[in-house]
Amino acid sequence: MAKLAEKSGNVLAYLQEHDTGDGVSIREIADAMGLEEKNIRPVVTLSLAAKKDGSRGALAVYDKREVDGEEKPVGFAVLTEEGRNFVDEDDPEDE
């Protein structure tokens, strides 16, 4: 299985630590990583999505929801079961 790119791995690690089942807002992830939301959304919708060749399922999915107090729907990244159990190939904790 291919190693995740650095930003994708960081987003996945954040989700693994903070997603308790309801997902984490894209805004929260962006703020925590010092990036803009527009930099996080493609990581979730493309990099952490299922591979087209079938070699890996989706690690996270993007979900837009109505949130009280927000004018527009808010984007969330929701960790999948595969994402919850995924260990990046060259993770130093595995050595």
PDB file of N, CA and C in Angstrom:
ATOM      1  N   MET A   1       0.847  -1.178   0.000  1.00  0.00           N
ATOM      2  CA  MET A   1       0.000   0.000   0.000  1.00  0.00           C
ATOM      3  C   MET A   1       0.891   1.239   0.000  1.00  0.00           C
ATOM      4  N   ALA A   2       0.553   2.220  -0.775  1.00  0.00           N
ATOM      5  CA  ALA A   2       1.368   3.425  -0.892  1.00  0.00           C
ATOM      6  C   ALA A   2       1.282   4.271   0.375  1.00  0.00           C
ATOM      7  N   LYS A   3       2.372   4.924   0.667  1.00  0.00           N
ATOM      8  CA  LYS A   3       2.438   5.847   1.789  1.00  0.00           C
ATOM      9  C   LYS A   3       1.648   7.097   1.445  1.00  0.00           C
ATOM     10  N   LEU A   4       0.960   7.676   2.423  1.00  0.00           N
ATOM     11  CA  LEU A   4       0.227   8.916   2.208  1.00  0.00           C
ATOM     12  C   LEU A   4       1.186  10.097   2.108  1.00  0.00           C
ATOM     13  N   ALA A   5       0.821  11.098   1.317  1.00  0.00           N
ATOM     14  CA  ALA A   5       1.589  12.338   1.258  1.00  0.00           C
ATOM     15  C   ALA A   5       1.541  12.984   2.646  1.00  0.00           C
ATOM     16  N   GLU A   6       2.493  13.853   2.931  1.00  0.00           N
ATOM     17  CA  GLU A   6       2.612  14.436   4.272  1.00  0.00           C
ATOM     18  C   GLU A   6       1.320  15.114   4.739  1.00  0.00           C
ATOM     19  N   LYS A   7       0.745  15.986   3.910  1.00  0.00           N
ATOM     20  CA  LYS A   7      -0.465  16.700   4.323  1.00  0.00           C
ATOM     21  C   LYS A   7      -1.619  15.728   4.547  1.00  0.00           C
ATOM     22  N   SER A   8      -1.752  14.744   3.662  1.00  0.00           N
ATOM     23  CA  SER A   8      -2.823  13.752   3.810  1.00  0.00           C
ATOM     24  C   SER A   8      -2.645  12.956   5.095  1.00  0.00           C
ATOM     25  N   GLY A   9      -1.414  12.564   5.366  1.00  0.00           N
ATOM     26  CA  GLY A   9      -1.122  11.822   6.594  1.00  0.00           C
ATOM     27  C   GLY A   9      -1.422  12.643   7.834  1.00  0.00           C
ATOM     28  N   ASN A  10      -1.105  13.937   7.776  1.00  0.00           N
ATOM     29  CA  ASN A  10      -1.373  14.821   8.919  1.00  0.00           C
ATOM     30  C   ASN A  10      -2.868  14.993   9.153  1.00  0.00           C
ATOM     31  N   VAL A  11      -3.637  15.153   8.066  1.00  0.00           N
ATOM     32  CA  VAL A  11      -5.093  15.280   8.190  1.00  0.00           C
ATOM     33  C   VAL A  11      -5.675  13.985   8.755  1.00  0.00           C
ATOM     34  N   LEU A  12      -5.237  12.848   8.234  1.00  0.00           N
ATOM     35  CA  LEU A  12      -5.736  11.568   8.727  1.00  0.00           C
ATOM     36  C   LEU A  12      -5.392  11.386  10.208  1.00  0.00           C
ATOM     37  N   ALA A  13      -4.170  11.715  10.590  1.00  0.00           N
ATOM     38  CA  ALA A  13      -3.767  11.585  11.998  1.00  0.00           C
ATOM     39  C   ALA A  13      -4.631  12.477  12.887  1.00  0.00           C
ATOM     40  N   TYR A  14      -4.937  13.695  12.426  1.00  0.00           N
ATOM     41  CA  TYR A  14      -5.794  14.597  13.194  1.00  0.00           C
ATOM     42  C   TYR A  14      -7.184  13.985  13.355  1.00  0.00           C
ATOM     43  N   LEU A  15      -7.716  13.435  12.271  1.00  0.00           N
ATOM     44  CA  LEU A  15      -9.033  12.803  12.338  1.00  0.00           C
ATOM     45  C   LEU A  15      -9.014  11.597  13.282  1.00  0.00           C
ATOM     46  N   GLN A  16      -7.975  10.784  13.195  1.00  0.00           N
ATOM     47  CA  GLN A  16      -7.894   9.604  14.058  1.00  0.00           C
ATOM     48  C   GLN A  16      -7.878   9.999  15.531  1.00  0.00           C
ATOM     49  N   GLU A  17      -7.291  11.146  15.826  1.00  0.00           N
ATOM     50  CA  GLU A  17      -7.207  11.604  17.210  1.00  0.00           C
ATOM     51  C   GLU A  17      -8.483  12.318  17.682  1.00  0.00           C
ATOM     52  N   HIS A  18      -9.168  13.023  16.774  1.00  0.00           N
ATOM     53  CA  HIS A  18     -10.256  13.901  17.191  1.00  0.00           C
ATOM     54  C   HIS A  18     -11.662  13.498  16.750  1.00  0.00           C
ATOM     55  N   ASP A  19     -11.807  12.596  15.794  1.00  0.00           N
ATOM     56  CA  ASP A  19     -13.145  12.210  15.333  1.00  0.00           C
ATOM     57  C   ASP A  19     -13.708  11.156  16.273  1.00  0.00           C
ATOM     58  N   THR A  20     -14.767  11.531  16.987  1.00  0.00           N
ATOM     59  CA  THR A  20     -15.397  10.607  17.931  1.00  0.00           C
ATOM     60  C   THR A  20     -16.604   9.907  17.320  1.00  0.00           C
ATOM     61  N   GLY A  21     -16.763  10.047  16.001  1.00  0.00           N
ATOM     62  CA  GLY A  21     -17.859   9.388  15.311  1.00  0.00           C
ATOM     63  C   GLY A  21     -18.749  10.346  14.537  1.00  0.00           C
ATOM     64  N   ASP A  22     -18.701  11.620  14.881  1.00  0.00           N
ATOM     65  CA  ASP A  22     -19.533  12.619  14.206  1.00  0.00           C
ATOM     66  C   ASP A  22     -18.768  13.407  13.158  1.00  0.00           C
ATOM     67  N   GLY A  23     -17.484  13.159  13.020  1.00  0.00           N
ATOM     68  CA  GLY A  23     -16.663  13.916  12.089  1.00  0.00           C
ATOM     69  C   GLY A  23     -16.079  15.149  12.744  1.00  0.00           C
ATOM     70  N   VAL A  24     -15.211  15.820  11.995  1.00  0.00           N
ATOM     71  CA  VAL A  24     -14.553  17.037  12.454  1.00  0.00           C
ATOM     72  C   VAL A  24     -14.733  18.074  11.358  1.00  0.00           C
ATOM     73  N   SER A  25     -15.060  19.301  11.734  1.00  0.00           N
ATOM     74  CA  SER A  25     -15.281  20.313  10.703  1.00  0.00           C
ATOM     75  C   SER A  25     -13.978  20.603   9.955  1.00  0.00           C
ATOM     76  N   ILE A  26     -14.135  20.883   8.679  1.00  0.00           N
ATOM     77  CA  ILE A  26     -12.983  21.229   7.850  1.00  0.00           C
ATOM     78  C   ILE A  26     -12.293  22.469   8.438  1.00  0.00           C
ATOM     79  N   ARG A  27     -13.087  23.390   8.951  1.00  0.00           N
ATOM     80  CA  ARG A  27     -12.538  24.610   9.562  1.00  0.00           C
ATOM     81  C   ARG A  27     -11.646  24.272  10.751  1.00  0.00           C
ATOM     82  N   GLU A  28     -12.092  23.352  11.612  1.00  0.00           N
ATOM     83  CA  GLU A  28     -11.294  22.964  12.783  1.00  0.00           C
ATOM     84  C   GLU A  28      -9.967  22.341  12.352  1.00  0.00           C
ATOM     85  N   ILE A  29     -10.018  21.464  11.362  1.00  0.00           N
ATOM     86  CA  ILE A  29      -8.794  20.829  10.879  1.00  0.00           C
ATOM     87  C   ILE A  29      -7.840  21.886  10.312  1.00  0.00           C
ATOM     88  N   ALA A  30      -8.385  22.783   9.496  1.00  0.00           N
ATOM     89  CA  ALA A  30      -7.560  23.840   8.889  1.00  0.00           C
ATOM     90  C   ALA A  30      -6.923  24.716   9.964  1.00  0.00           C
ATOM     91  N   ASP A  31      -7.711  25.136  10.945  1.00  0.00           N
ATOM     92  CA  ASP A  31      -7.177  25.968  12.035  1.00  0.00           C
ATOM     93  C   ASP A  31      -6.073  25.244  12.791  1.00  0.00           C
ATOM     94  N   ALA A  32      -6.286  23.977  13.084  1.00  0.00           N
ATOM     95  CA  ALA A  32      -5.303  23.197  13.847  1.00  0.00           C
ATOM     96  C   ALA A  32      -3.998  23.019  13.078  1.00  0.00           C
ATOM     97  N   MET A  33      -4.099  22.964  11.740  1.00  0.00           N
ATOM     98  CA  MET A  33      -2.909  22.737  10.917  1.00  0.00           C
ATOM     99  C   MET A  33      -2.309  24.031  10.382  1.00  0.00           C
ATOM    100  N   GLY A  34      -2.933  25.174  10.702  1.00  0.00           N
ATOM    101  CA  GLY A  34      -2.418  26.453  10.228  1.00  0.00           C
ATOM    102  C   GLY A  34      -2.614  26.643   8.728  1.00  0.00           C
ATOM    103  N   LEU A  35      -3.675  26.042   8.178  1.00  0.00           N
ATOM    104  CA  LEU A  35      -3.964  26.138   6.747  1.00  0.00           C
ATOM    105  C   LEU A  35      -5.350  26.736   6.545  1.00  0.00           C
ATOM    106  N   GLU A  36      -5.706  26.966   5.291  1.00  0.00           N
ATOM    107  CA  GLU A  36      -7.043  27.438   4.964  1.00  0.00           C
ATOM    108  C   GLU A  36      -7.931  26.243   4.640  1.00  0.00           C
ATOM    109  N   GLU A  37      -9.235  26.440   4.807  1.00  0.00           N
ATOM    110  CA  GLU A  37     -10.183  25.364   4.516  1.00  0.00           C
ATOM    111  C   GLU A  37     -10.018  24.845   3.095  1.00  0.00           C
ATOM    112  N   LYS A  38      -9.745  25.746   2.151  1.00  0.00           N
ATOM    113  CA  LYS A  38      -9.617  25.333   0.754  1.00  0.00           C
ATOM    114  C   LYS A  38      -8.432  24.393   0.535  1.00  0.00           C
ATOM    115  N   ASN A  39      -7.505  24.332   1.499  1.00  0.00           N
ATOM    116  CA  ASN A  39      -6.381  23.406   1.407  1.00  0.00           C
ATOM    117  C   ASN A  39      -6.704  22.036   1.992  1.00  0.00           C
ATOM    118  N   ILE A  40      -7.729  21.966   2.825  1.00  0.00           N
ATOM    119  CA  ILE A  40      -8.081  20.715   3.497  1.00  0.00           C
ATOM    120  C   ILE A  40      -9.132  19.933   2.714  1.00  0.00           C
ATOM    121  N   ARG A  41     -10.103  20.622   2.158  1.00  0.00           N
ATOM    122  CA  ARG A  41     -11.213  19.955   1.448  1.00  0.00           C
ATOM    123  C   ARG A  41     -10.721  18.955   0.398  1.00  0.00           C
ATOM    124  N   PRO A  42      -9.751  19.332  -0.489  1.00  0.00           N
ATOM    125  CA  PRO A  42      -9.292  18.356  -1.494  1.00  0.00           C
ATOM    126  C   PRO A  42      -8.554  17.157  -0.884  1.00  0.00           C
ATOM    127  N   VAL A  43      -7.930  17.356   0.238  1.00  0.00           N
ATOM    128  CA  VAL A  43      -7.269  16.224   0.899  1.00  0.00           C
ATOM    129  C   VAL A  43      -8.317  15.179   1.274  1.00  0.00           C
ATOM    130  N   VAL A  44      -9.436  15.645   1.811  1.00  0.00           N
ATOM    131  CA  VAL A  44     -10.492  14.728   2.229  1.00  0.00           C
ATOM    132  C   VAL A  44     -11.207  14.124   1.026  1.00  0.00           C
ATOM    133  N   THR A  45     -11.559  14.969   0.043  1.00  0.00           N
ATOM    134  CA  THR A  45     -12.369  14.484  -1.084  1.00  0.00           C
ATOM    135  C   THR A  45     -11.569  13.712  -2.124  1.00  0.00           C
ATOM    136  N   LEU A  46     -10.262  13.919  -2.174  1.00  0.00           N
ATOM    137  CA  LEU A  46      -9.436  13.234  -3.184  1.00  0.00           C
ATOM    138  C   LEU A  46      -8.417  12.289  -2.556  1.00  0.00           C
ATOM    139  N   SER A  47      -7.529  12.818  -1.727  1.00  0.00           N
ATOM    140  CA  SER A  47      -6.420  12.009  -1.195  1.00  0.00           C
ATOM    141  C   SER A  47      -6.870  10.915  -0.234  1.00  0.00           C
ATOM    142  N   LEU A  48      -7.894  11.199   0.568  1.00  0.00           N
ATOM    143  CA  LEU A  48      -8.351  10.209   1.541  1.00  0.00           C
ATOM    144  C   LEU A  48      -9.559   9.415   1.040  1.00  0.00           C
ATOM    145  N   ALA A  49      -9.968   9.682  -0.197  1.00  0.00           N
ATOM    146  CA  ALA A  49     -11.074   8.941  -0.814  1.00  0.00           C
ATOM    147  C   ALA A  49     -10.583   7.561  -1.241  1.00  0.00           C
ATOM    148  N   ALA A  50     -11.524   6.695  -1.605  1.00  0.00           N
ATOM    149  CA  ALA A  50     -11.165   5.364  -2.086  1.00  0.00           C
ATOM    150  C   ALA A  50     -10.334   5.481  -3.364  1.00  0.00           C
ATOM    151  N   LYS A  51      -9.347   4.628  -3.504  1.00  0.00           N
ATOM    152  CA  LYS A  51      -8.527   4.600  -4.711  1.00  0.00           C
ATOM    153  C   LYS A  51      -9.322   3.993  -5.851  1.00  0.00           C
ATOM    154  N   LYS A  52      -9.206   4.585  -7.030  1.00  0.00           N
ATOM    155  CA  LYS A  52      -9.960   4.115  -8.196  1.00  0.00           C
ATOM    156  C   LYS A  52      -9.590   2.693  -8.597  1.00  0.00           C
ATOM    157  N   ASP A  53      -8.344   2.293  -8.303  1.00  0.00           N
ATOM    158  CA  ASP A  53      -7.913   0.943  -8.679  1.00  0.00           C
ATOM    159  C   ASP A  53      -8.366  -0.118  -7.662  1.00  0.00           C
ATOM    160  N   GLY A  54      -9.061   0.329  -6.613  1.00  0.00           N
ATOM    161  CA  GLY A  54      -9.575  -0.599  -5.618  1.00  0.00           C
ATOM    162  C   GLY A  54      -8.558  -1.055  -4.592  1.00  0.00           C
ATOM    163  N   SER A  55      -7.362  -0.468  -4.612  1.00  0.00           N
ATOM    164  CA  SER A  55      -6.304  -0.904  -3.697  1.00  0.00           C
ATOM    165  C   SER A  55      -6.528  -0.452  -2.256  1.00  0.00           C
ATOM    166  N   ARG A  56      -7.415   0.528  -2.075  1.00  0.00           N
ATOM    167  CA  ARG A  56      -7.703   1.024  -0.730  1.00  0.00           C
ATOM    168  C   ARG A  56      -9.088   1.658  -0.729  1.00  0.00           C
ATOM    169  N   GLY A  57      -9.832   1.404   0.309  1.00  0.00           N
ATOM    170  CA  GLY A  57     -11.132   2.048   0.458  1.00  0.00           C
ATOM    171  C   GLY A  57     -10.966   3.470   0.960  1.00  0.00           C
ATOM    172  N   ALA A  58     -12.073   4.162   1.120  1.00  0.00           N
ATOM    173  CA  ALA A  58     -12.037   5.540   1.624  1.00  0.00           C
ATOM    174  C   ALA A  58     -11.582   5.552   3.078  1.00  0.00           C
ATOM    175  N   LEU A  59     -10.676   6.465   3.381  1.00  0.00           N
ATOM    176  CA  LEU A  59     -10.213   6.636   4.758  1.00  0.00           C
ATOM    177  C   LEU A  59     -11.057   7.674   5.482  1.00  0.00           C
ATOM    178  N   ALA A  60     -11.632   8.607   4.706  1.00  0.00           N
ATOM    179  CA  ALA A  60     -12.526   9.633   5.248  1.00  0.00           C
ATOM    180  C   ALA A  60     -13.473  10.058   4.137  1.00  0.00           C
ATOM    181  N   VAL A  61     -14.617  10.572   4.528  1.00  0.00           N
ATOM    182  CA  VAL A  61     -15.586  11.090   3.561  1.00  0.00           C
ATOM    183  C   VAL A  61     -15.936  12.520   3.938  1.00  0.00           C
ATOM    184  N   TYR A  62     -16.337  13.290   2.927  1.00  0.00           N
ATOM    185  CA  TYR A  62     -16.724  14.685   3.118  1.00  0.00           C
ATOM    186  C   TYR A  62     -18.235  14.747   3.268  1.00  0.00           C
ATOM    187  N   ASP A  63     -18.695  15.510   4.242  1.00  0.00           N
ATOM    188  CA  ASP A  63     -20.124  15.621   4.512  1.00  0.00           C
ATOM    189  C   ASP A  63     -20.451  17.077   4.827  1.00  0.00           C
ATOM    190  N   LYS A  64     -21.452  17.643   4.133  1.00  0.00           N
ATOM    191  CA  LYS A  64     -21.905  19.005   4.417  1.00  0.00           C
ATOM    192  C   LYS A  64     -23.164  18.932   5.255  1.00  0.00           C
ATOM    193  N   ARG A  65     -23.207  19.719   6.335  1.00  0.00           N
ATOM    194  CA  ARG A  65     -24.345  19.671   7.254  1.00  0.00           C
ATOM    195  C   ARG A  65     -24.796  21.069   7.645  1.00  0.00           C
ATOM    196  N   GLU A  66     -26.060  21.164   7.959  1.00  0.00           N
ATOM    197  CA  GLU A  66     -26.603  22.387   8.553  1.00  0.00           C
ATOM    198  C   GLU A  66     -26.157  22.402  10.015  1.00  0.00           C
ATOM    199  N   VAL A  67     -25.645  23.541  10.466  1.00  0.00           N
ATOM    200  CA  VAL A  67     -25.193  23.672  11.848  1.00  0.00           C
ATOM    201  C   VAL A  67     -25.853  24.913  12.441  1.00  0.00           C
ATOM    202  N   ASP A  68     -26.414  24.772  13.634  1.00  0.00           N
ATOM    203  CA  ASP A  68     -27.045  25.904  14.296  1.00  0.00           C
ATOM    204  C   ASP A  68     -26.057  27.057  14.423  1.00  0.00           C
ATOM    205  N   GLY A  69     -26.525  28.251  14.094  1.00  0.00           N
ATOM    206  CA  GLY A  69     -25.690  29.441  14.216  1.00  0.00           C
ATOM    207  C   GLY A  69     -24.853  29.739  12.981  1.00  0.00           C
ATOM    208  N   GLU A  70     -24.865  28.851  11.999  1.00  0.00           N
ATOM    209  CA  GLU A  70     -24.107  29.055  10.757  1.00  0.00           C
ATOM    210  C   GLU A  70     -25.076  29.355   9.622  1.00  0.00           C
ATOM    211  N   GLU A  71     -24.739  30.350   8.811  1.00  0.00           N
ATOM    212  CA  GLU A  71     -25.581  30.730   7.681  1.00  0.00           C
ATOM    213  C   GLU A  71     -25.623  29.657   6.600  1.00  0.00           C
ATOM    214  N   LYS A  72     -24.467  29.094   6.310  1.00  0.00           N
ATOM    215  CA  LYS A  72     -24.343  28.102   5.235  1.00  0.00           C
ATOM    216  C   LYS A  72     -24.022  26.736   5.828  1.00  0.00           C
ATOM    217  N   PRO A  73     -24.274  25.665   5.079  1.00  0.00           N
ATOM    218  CA  PRO A  73     -23.859  24.341   5.553  1.00  0.00           C
ATOM    219  C   PRO A  73     -22.351  24.296   5.814  1.00  0.00           C
ATOM    220  N   VAL A  74     -21.962  23.512   6.785  1.00  0.00           N
ATOM    221  CA  VAL A  74     -20.562  23.392   7.199  1.00  0.00           C
ATOM    222  C   VAL A  74     -20.018  22.056   6.713  1.00  0.00           C
ATOM    223  N   GLY A  75     -18.792  22.071   6.163  1.00  0.00           N
ATOM    224  CA  GLY A  75     -18.152  20.854   5.696  1.00  0.00           C
ATOM    225  C   GLY A  75     -17.478  20.102   6.835  1.00  0.00           C
ATOM    226  N   PHE A  76     -17.664  18.794   6.845  1.00  0.00           N
ATOM    227  CA  PHE A  76     -17.048  17.926   7.845  1.00  0.00           C
ATOM    228  C   PHE A  76     -16.281  16.812   7.161  1.00  0.00           C
ATOM    229  N   ALA A  77     -15.201  16.385   7.778  1.00  0.00           N
ATOM    230  CA  ALA A  77     -14.488  15.174   7.373  1.00  0.00           C
ATOM    231  C   ALA A  77     -14.883  14.103   8.385  1.00  0.00           C
ATOM    232  N   VAL A  78     -15.335  12.976   7.870  1.00  0.00           N
ATOM    233  CA  VAL A  78     -15.784  11.885   8.742  1.00  0.00           C
ATOM    234  C   VAL A  78     -14.904  10.673   8.480  1.00  0.00           C
ATOM    235  N   LEU A  79     -14.261  10.200   9.507  1.00  0.00           N
ATOM    236  CA  LEU A  79     -13.378   9.047   9.414  1.00  0.00           C
ATOM    237  C   LEU A  79     -14.189   7.782   9.165  1.00  0.00           C
ATOM    238  N   THR A  80     -13.735   6.965   8.232  1.00  0.00           N
ATOM    239  CA  THR A  80     -14.382   5.670   7.995  1.00  0.00           C
ATOM    240  C   THR A  80     -13.738   4.629   8.900  1.00  0.00           C
ATOM    241  N   GLU A  81     -14.304   3.445   8.944  1.00  0.00           N
ATOM    242  CA  GLU A  81     -13.713   2.360   9.739  1.00  0.00           C
ATOM    243  C   GLU A  81     -12.305   2.052   9.227  1.00  0.00           C
ATOM    244  N   GLU A  82     -12.143   2.047   7.903  1.00  0.00           N
ATOM    245  CA  GLU A  82     -10.818   1.785   7.330  1.00  0.00           C
ATOM    246  C   GLU A  82      -9.832   2.889   7.736  1.00  0.00           C
ATOM    247  N   GLY A  83     -10.295   4.120   7.736  1.00  0.00           N
ATOM    248  CA  GLY A  83      -9.448   5.243   8.152  1.00  0.00           C
ATOM    249  C   GLY A  83      -9.071   5.170   9.614  1.00  0.00           C
ATOM    250  N   ARG A  84     -10.008   4.719  10.428  1.00  0.00           N
ATOM    251  CA  ARG A  84      -9.749   4.601  11.868  1.00  0.00           C
ATOM    252  C   ARG A  84      -8.633   3.585  12.131  1.00  0.00           C
ATOM    253  N   ASN A  85      -8.561   2.547  11.304  1.00  0.00           N
ATOM    254  CA  ASN A  85      -7.580   1.474  11.507  1.00  0.00           C
ATOM    255  C   ASN A  85      -6.332   1.604  10.646  1.00  0.00           C
ATOM    256  N   PHE A  86      -6.296   2.601   9.767  1.00  0.00           N
ATOM    257  CA  PHE A  86      -5.185   2.750   8.831  1.00  0.00           C
ATOM    258  C   PHE A  86      -3.910   3.175   9.558  1.00  0.00           C
ATOM    259  N   VAL A  87      -2.807   2.520   9.215  1.00  0.00           N
ATOM    260  CA  VAL A  87      -1.485   2.885   9.722  1.00  0.00           C
ATOM    261  C   VAL A  87      -0.630   3.201   8.508  1.00  0.00           C
ATOM    262  N   ASP A  88      -0.086   4.408   8.465  1.00  0.00           N
ATOM    263  CA  ASP A  88       0.738   4.807   7.331  1.00  0.00           C
ATOM    264  C   ASP A  88       1.951   3.888   7.244  1.00  0.00           C
ATOM    265  N   GLU A  89       2.286   3.491   6.041  1.00  0.00           N
ATOM    266  CA  GLU A  89       3.320   2.496   5.751  1.00  0.00           C
ATOM    267  C   GLU A  89       4.642   2.720   6.491  1.00  0.00           C
ATOM    268  N   ASP A  90       5.133   3.939   6.498  1.00  0.00           N
ATOM    269  CA  ASP A  90       6.431   4.222   7.112  1.00  0.00           C
ATOM    270  C   ASP A  90       6.296   4.910   8.459  1.00  0.00           C
ATOM    271  N   ASP A  91       5.235   4.605   9.197  1.00  0.00           N
ATOM    272  CA  ASP A  91       5.000   5.214  10.497  1.00  0.00           C
ATOM    273  C   ASP A  91       6.088   4.749  11.469  1.00  0.00           C
ATOM    274  N   PRO A  92       6.845   5.691  12.090  1.00  0.00           N
ATOM    275  CA  PRO A  92       7.920   5.305  12.998  1.00  0.00           C
ATOM    276  C   PRO A  92       7.445   4.500  14.205  1.00  0.00           C
ATOM    277  N   GLU A  93       6.167   4.590  14.580  1.00  0.00           N
ATOM    278  CA  GLU A  93       5.665   3.817  15.711  1.00  0.00           C
ATOM    279  C   GLU A  93       5.626   2.328  15.384  1.00  0.00           C
ATOM    280  N   ASP A  94       5.668   1.987  14.095  1.00  0.00           N
ATOM    281  CA  ASP A  94       5.610   0.584  13.692  1.00  0.00           C
ATOM    282  C   ASP A  94       6.972  -0.098  13.764  1.00  0.00           C
ATOM    283  N   GLU A  95       8.018   0.680  13.934  1.00  0.00           N
ATOM    284  CA  GLU A  95       9.379   0.101  13.897  1.00  0.00           C
ATOM    285  C   GLU A  95       9.805  -0.412  15.251  1.00  0.00           C
TER     286      GLU A  95
END
